[in-house]
């Protein structure tokens, strides 16, 4: 659920399709099985279905999987604000694990904090979902570097 009352305006009118393509073309996103479940300017939600391969013991997602989805959601929130023909990559992220990540899904909600010409900052909260109940299991702060990228241009 988006918390921002006044969403920023994305400079690329096709930001949603561009962001989806940018993320889902990454081999790791396909391997994990990410689903982008909500997107808006400065906001991205990713759902990760339970997979035993992403756990450290049956039923509990491993910290690396939790950090990965947080990183993607936060950096992806930054990517939604890029002009056409630009790309982004994580420069740094910090995650705080708050509770065991048990459940059928992980849901990460990334939100833009500050968009910059070279560096942008976002936050992401990760929830484990069990029996339709969400529990906050991690929170992260992400810095993304932006750059011109001909591979992302539709021209």
C-alpha atoms as a PDB file:
ATOM      1  CA  UNK A   1       0.000   0.000   0.000  1.00  0.00           C
ATOM      2  CA  UNK A   2       1.410   3.358  -1.058  1.00  0.00           C
ATOM      3  CA  UNK A   3       1.934   5.830   1.756  1.00  0.00           C
ATOM      4  CA  UNK A   4       2.811   8.947  -0.240  1.00  0.00           C
ATOM      5  CA  UNK A   5      -0.031  11.496  -0.462  1.00  0.00           C
ATOM      6  CA  UNK A   6       1.658  13.470  -3.265  1.00  0.00           C
ATOM      7  CA  UNK A   7       3.414  11.098  -5.646  1.00  0.00           C
ATOM      8  CA  UNK A   8       6.200  12.578  -7.768  1.00  0.00           C
ATOM      9  CA  UNK A   9       5.778  12.786 -11.523  1.00  0.00           C
ATOM     10  CA  UNK A  10       7.896  10.345 -13.505  1.00  0.00           C
ATOM     11  CA  UNK A  11       9.757  11.998 -16.417  1.00  0.00           C
ATOM     12  CA  UNK A  12       9.236   8.909 -18.599  1.00  0.00           C
ATOM     13  CA  UNK A  13       5.522   8.413 -19.380  1.00  0.00           C
ATOM     14  CA  UNK A  14       6.248   4.710 -19.952  1.00  0.00           C
ATOM     15  CA  UNK A  15       8.020   4.383 -16.568  1.00  0.00           C
ATOM     16  CA  UNK A  16       5.960   1.375 -15.433  1.00  0.00           C
ATOM     17  CA  UNK A  17       6.701  -0.753 -18.508  1.00  0.00           C
ATOM     18  CA  UNK A  18      10.332   0.419 -18.600  1.00  0.00           C
ATOM     19  CA  UNK A  19      10.865  -0.402 -14.903  1.00  0.00           C
ATOM     20  CA  UNK A  20       9.177  -3.816 -15.208  1.00  0.00           C
ATOM     21  CA  UNK A  21      11.330  -4.699 -18.208  1.00  0.00           C
ATOM     22  CA  UNK A  22      14.514  -3.370 -16.550  1.00  0.00           C
ATOM     23  CA  UNK A  23      13.962  -5.548 -13.463  1.00  0.00           C
ATOM     24  CA  UNK A  24      12.428  -8.667 -14.955  1.00  0.00           C
ATOM     25  CA  UNK A  25      15.108  -9.014 -17.647  1.00  0.00           C
ATOM     26  CA  UNK A  26      17.713  -9.557 -14.917  1.00  0.00           C
ATOM     27  CA  UNK A  27      18.480 -13.272 -14.607  1.00  0.00           C
ATOM     28  CA  UNK A  28      18.397 -13.139 -10.793  1.00  0.00           C
ATOM     29  CA  UNK A  29      14.837 -11.714 -10.825  1.00  0.00           C
ATOM     30  CA  UNK A  30      13.730 -14.630 -13.004  1.00  0.00           C
ATOM     31  CA  UNK A  31      15.589 -17.132 -10.810  1.00  0.00           C
ATOM     32  CA  UNK A  32      13.988 -15.830  -7.631  1.00  0.00           C
ATOM     33  CA  UNK A  33      10.539 -15.717  -9.218  1.00  0.00           C
ATOM     34  CA  UNK A  34       9.783 -12.074  -8.421  1.00  0.00           C
ATOM     35  CA  UNK A  35       6.386 -10.636  -9.312  1.00  0.00           C
ATOM     36  CA  UNK A  36       5.993  -6.886  -9.534  1.00  0.00           C
ATOM     37  CA  UNK A  37       2.657  -6.416  -7.795  1.00  0.00           C
ATOM     38  CA  UNK A  38       2.382  -2.611  -7.636  1.00  0.00           C
ATOM     39  CA  UNK A  39       4.213   0.262  -9.251  1.00  0.00           C
ATOM     40  CA  UNK A  40       3.955   4.022  -9.277  1.00  0.00           C
ATOM     41  CA  UNK A  41       6.274   7.005  -9.593  1.00  0.00           C
ATOM     42  CA  UNK A  42       8.766   6.579  -6.753  1.00  0.00           C
ATOM     43  CA  UNK A  43       7.156   3.341  -5.543  1.00  0.00           C
ATOM     44  CA  UNK A  44       7.650  -0.350  -6.290  1.00  0.00           C
ATOM     45  CA  UNK A  45       6.195  -3.456  -4.670  1.00  0.00           C
ATOM     46  CA  UNK A  46       7.644  -6.898  -5.347  1.00  0.00           C
ATOM     47  CA  UNK A  47       6.227 -10.195  -4.156  1.00  0.00           C
ATOM     48  CA  UNK A  48       8.424 -13.253  -3.703  1.00  0.00           C
ATOM     49  CA  UNK A  49       6.559 -16.556  -3.461  1.00  0.00           C
ATOM     50  CA  UNK A  50       7.959 -19.087  -0.993  1.00  0.00           C
ATOM     51  CA  UNK A  51      10.665 -21.304  -2.489  1.00  0.00           C
ATOM     52  CA  UNK A  52      12.587 -23.798  -0.435  1.00  0.00           C
ATOM     53  CA  UNK A  53      15.773 -22.882  -2.364  1.00  0.00           C
ATOM     54  CA  UNK A  54      15.629 -19.409  -0.793  1.00  0.00           C
ATOM     55  CA  UNK A  55      15.460 -20.662   2.797  1.00  0.00           C
ATOM     56  CA  UNK A  56      18.078 -21.454   5.389  1.00  0.00           C
ATOM     57  CA  UNK A  57      15.697 -23.971   6.975  1.00  0.00           C
ATOM     58  CA  UNK A  58      12.305 -25.098   5.732  1.00  0.00           C
ATOM     59  CA  UNK A  59       9.741 -22.359   6.175  1.00  0.00           C
ATOM     60  CA  UNK A  60      12.093 -19.421   6.854  1.00  0.00           C
ATOM     61  CA  UNK A  61      13.524 -17.261   4.081  1.00  0.00           C
ATOM     62  CA  UNK A  62      17.290 -16.781   4.365  1.00  0.00           C
ATOM     63  CA  UNK A  63      18.618 -13.279   5.095  1.00  0.00           C
ATOM     64  CA  UNK A  64      20.211 -13.008   1.643  1.00  0.00           C
ATOM     65  CA  UNK A  65      16.843 -13.545  -0.037  1.00  0.00           C
ATOM     66  CA  UNK A  66      15.230 -10.939   2.235  1.00  0.00           C
ATOM     67  CA  UNK A  67      18.018  -8.458   1.452  1.00  0.00           C
ATOM     68  CA  UNK A  68      17.775  -9.127  -2.267  1.00  0.00           C
ATOM     69  CA  UNK A  69      14.064  -8.377  -2.488  1.00  0.00           C
ATOM     70  CA  UNK A  70      14.534  -5.232  -0.351  1.00  0.00           C
ATOM     71  CA  UNK A  71      17.335  -4.067  -2.649  1.00  0.00           C
ATOM     72  CA  UNK A  72      15.251  -4.658  -5.773  1.00  0.00           C
ATOM     73  CA  UNK A  73      12.205  -2.858  -4.354  1.00  0.00           C
ATOM     74  CA  UNK A  74      14.198   0.171  -3.197  1.00  0.00           C
ATOM     75  CA  UNK A  75      16.425   0.474  -6.264  1.00  0.00           C
ATOM     76  CA  UNK A  76      13.366  -0.180  -8.436  1.00  0.00           C
ATOM     77  CA  UNK A  77      11.544   2.729  -6.779  1.00  0.00           C
ATOM     78  CA  UNK A  78      14.468   4.908  -7.904  1.00  0.00           C
ATOM     79  CA  UNK A  79      14.346   3.467 -11.432  1.00  0.00           C
ATOM     80  CA  UNK A  80      10.694   4.538 -11.796  1.00  0.00           C
ATOM     81  CA  UNK A  81      11.913   8.149 -11.807  1.00  0.00           C
ATOM     82  CA  UNK A  82      14.556   7.800 -14.512  1.00  0.00           C
ATOM     83  CA  UNK A  83      14.240   9.577 -17.830  1.00  0.00           C
ATOM     84  CA  UNK A  84      14.042   7.377 -20.911  1.00  0.00           C
ATOM     85  CA  UNK A  85      17.440   5.958 -21.818  1.00  0.00           C
ATOM     86  CA  UNK A  86      18.803   5.913 -18.274  1.00  0.00           C
ATOM     87  CA  UNK A  87      19.634   2.959 -16.039  1.00  0.00           C
ATOM     88  CA  UNK A  88      20.426   2.407 -12.417  1.00  0.00           C
ATOM     89  CA  UNK A  89      22.405   0.120 -10.156  1.00  0.00           C
ATOM     90  CA  UNK A  90      22.667  -0.292  -6.406  1.00  0.00           C
ATOM     91  CA  UNK A  91      25.653   1.523  -4.932  1.00  0.00           C
ATOM     92  CA  UNK A  92      24.963   0.505  -1.330  1.00  0.00           C
ATOM     93  CA  UNK A  93      22.285  -0.903   0.908  1.00  0.00           C
ATOM     94  CA  UNK A  94      21.847  -1.589   4.579  1.00  0.00           C
ATOM     95  CA  UNK A  95      19.255  -3.985   5.923  1.00  0.00           C
ATOM     96  CA  UNK A  96      17.955  -4.548   9.410  1.00  0.00           C
ATOM     97  CA  UNK A  97      16.343  -7.937  10.023  1.00  0.00           C
ATOM     98  CA  UNK A  98      13.531  -7.492  12.518  1.00  0.00           C
ATOM     99  CA  UNK A  99      11.742 -10.861  12.654  1.00  0.00           C
ATOM    100  CA  UNK A 100      12.011 -14.333  11.114  1.00  0.00           C
ATOM    101  CA  UNK A 101      10.781 -14.246   7.503  1.00  0.00           C
ATOM    102  CA  UNK A 102       8.266 -17.078   7.715  1.00  0.00           C
ATOM    103  CA  UNK A 103       5.280 -17.467   5.451  1.00  0.00           C
ATOM    104  CA  UNK A 104       3.962 -18.115   1.980  1.00  0.00           C
ATOM    105  CA  UNK A 105       5.327 -14.876   0.484  1.00  0.00           C
ATOM    106  CA  UNK A 106       7.641 -11.973   1.046  1.00  0.00           C
ATOM    107  CA  UNK A 107       6.357  -8.551   0.001  1.00  0.00           C
ATOM    108  CA  UNK A 108       8.829  -5.686  -0.336  1.00  0.00           C
ATOM    109  CA  UNK A 109       7.624  -2.108  -0.737  1.00  0.00           C
ATOM    110  CA  UNK A 110      10.239   0.357  -1.921  1.00  0.00           C
ATOM    111  CA  UNK A 111       9.734   4.101  -1.808  1.00  0.00           C
ATOM    112  CA  UNK A 112      11.858   6.915  -3.103  1.00  0.00           C
ATOM    113  CA  UNK A 113      13.271   9.230  -0.453  1.00  0.00           C
ATOM    114  CA  UNK A 114      15.498  11.517  -2.570  1.00  0.00           C
ATOM    115  CA  UNK A 115      16.025  11.445  -6.319  1.00  0.00           C
ATOM    116  CA  UNK A 116      19.329  12.815  -7.550  1.00  0.00           C
ATOM    117  CA  UNK A 117      21.053  13.247 -10.861  1.00  0.00           C
ATOM    118  CA  UNK A 118      23.777  10.744  -9.926  1.00  0.00           C
ATOM    119  CA  UNK A 119      22.698   9.152  -6.641  1.00  0.00           C
ATOM    120  CA  UNK A 120      19.207   8.456  -5.344  1.00  0.00           C
ATOM    121  CA  UNK A 121      18.092   7.137  -1.961  1.00  0.00           C
ATOM    122  CA  UNK A 122      15.150   4.864  -1.229  1.00  0.00           C
ATOM    123  CA  UNK A 123      13.814   2.799   1.647  1.00  0.00           C
ATOM    124  CA  UNK A 124      12.152  -0.589   1.544  1.00  0.00           C
ATOM    125  CA  UNK A 125      10.112  -2.513   4.071  1.00  0.00           C
ATOM    126  CA  UNK A 126       9.852  -6.282   3.738  1.00  0.00           C
ATOM    127  CA  UNK A 127       6.876  -8.166   5.109  1.00  0.00           C
ATOM    128  CA  UNK A 128       6.399 -11.903   5.474  1.00  0.00           C
ATOM    129  CA  UNK A 129       2.860 -12.956   4.690  1.00  0.00           C
ATOM    130  CA  UNK A 130       1.299 -15.921   6.451  1.00  0.00           C
ATOM    131  CA  UNK A 131      -2.442 -16.659   6.381  1.00  0.00           C
ATOM    132  CA  UNK A 132      -3.021 -13.230   4.764  1.00  0.00           C
ATOM    133  CA  UNK A 133      -1.364 -11.482   7.746  1.00  0.00           C
ATOM    134  CA  UNK A 134       1.662  -9.263   7.096  1.00  0.00           C
ATOM    135  CA  UNK A 135       4.515  -9.053   9.592  1.00  0.00           C
ATOM    136  CA  UNK A 136       7.358  -6.581   9.127  1.00  0.00           C
ATOM    137  CA  UNK A 137      10.505  -8.691   8.992  1.00  0.00           C
ATOM    138  CA  UNK A 138      13.089  -6.240   7.598  1.00  0.00           C
ATOM    139  CA  UNK A 139      13.707  -2.647   6.631  1.00  0.00           C
ATOM    140  CA  UNK A 140      16.413  -1.320   4.339  1.00  0.00           C
ATOM    141  CA  UNK A 141      17.992   1.892   3.093  1.00  0.00           C
ATOM    142  CA  UNK A 142      19.223   1.780  -0.505  1.00  0.00           C
ATOM    143  CA  UNK A 143      21.453   4.118  -2.522  1.00  0.00           C
ATOM    144  CA  UNK A 144      21.235   3.754  -6.306  1.00  0.00           C
ATOM    145  CA  UNK A 145      23.556   5.233  -8.893  1.00  0.00           C
ATOM    146  CA  UNK A 146      21.969   6.462 -12.121  1.00  0.00           C
ATOM    147  CA  UNK A 147      23.626   6.655 -15.532  1.00  0.00           C
ATOM    148  CA  UNK A 148      22.824   7.071 -19.218  1.00  0.00           C
ATOM    149  CA  UNK A 149      22.267   3.600 -20.655  1.00  0.00           C
ATOM    150  CA  UNK A 150      21.608   3.091 -24.340  1.00  0.00           C
ATOM    151  CA  UNK A 151      20.353  -0.448 -23.609  1.00  0.00           C
ATOM    152  CA  UNK A 152      17.298   0.961 -21.772  1.00  0.00           C
ATOM    153  CA  UNK A 153      16.333   3.399 -24.542  1.00  0.00           C
ATOM    154  CA  UNK A 154      13.318   2.587 -26.697  1.00  0.00           C
ATOM    155  CA  UNK A 155      14.525   4.848 -29.526  1.00  0.00           C
END
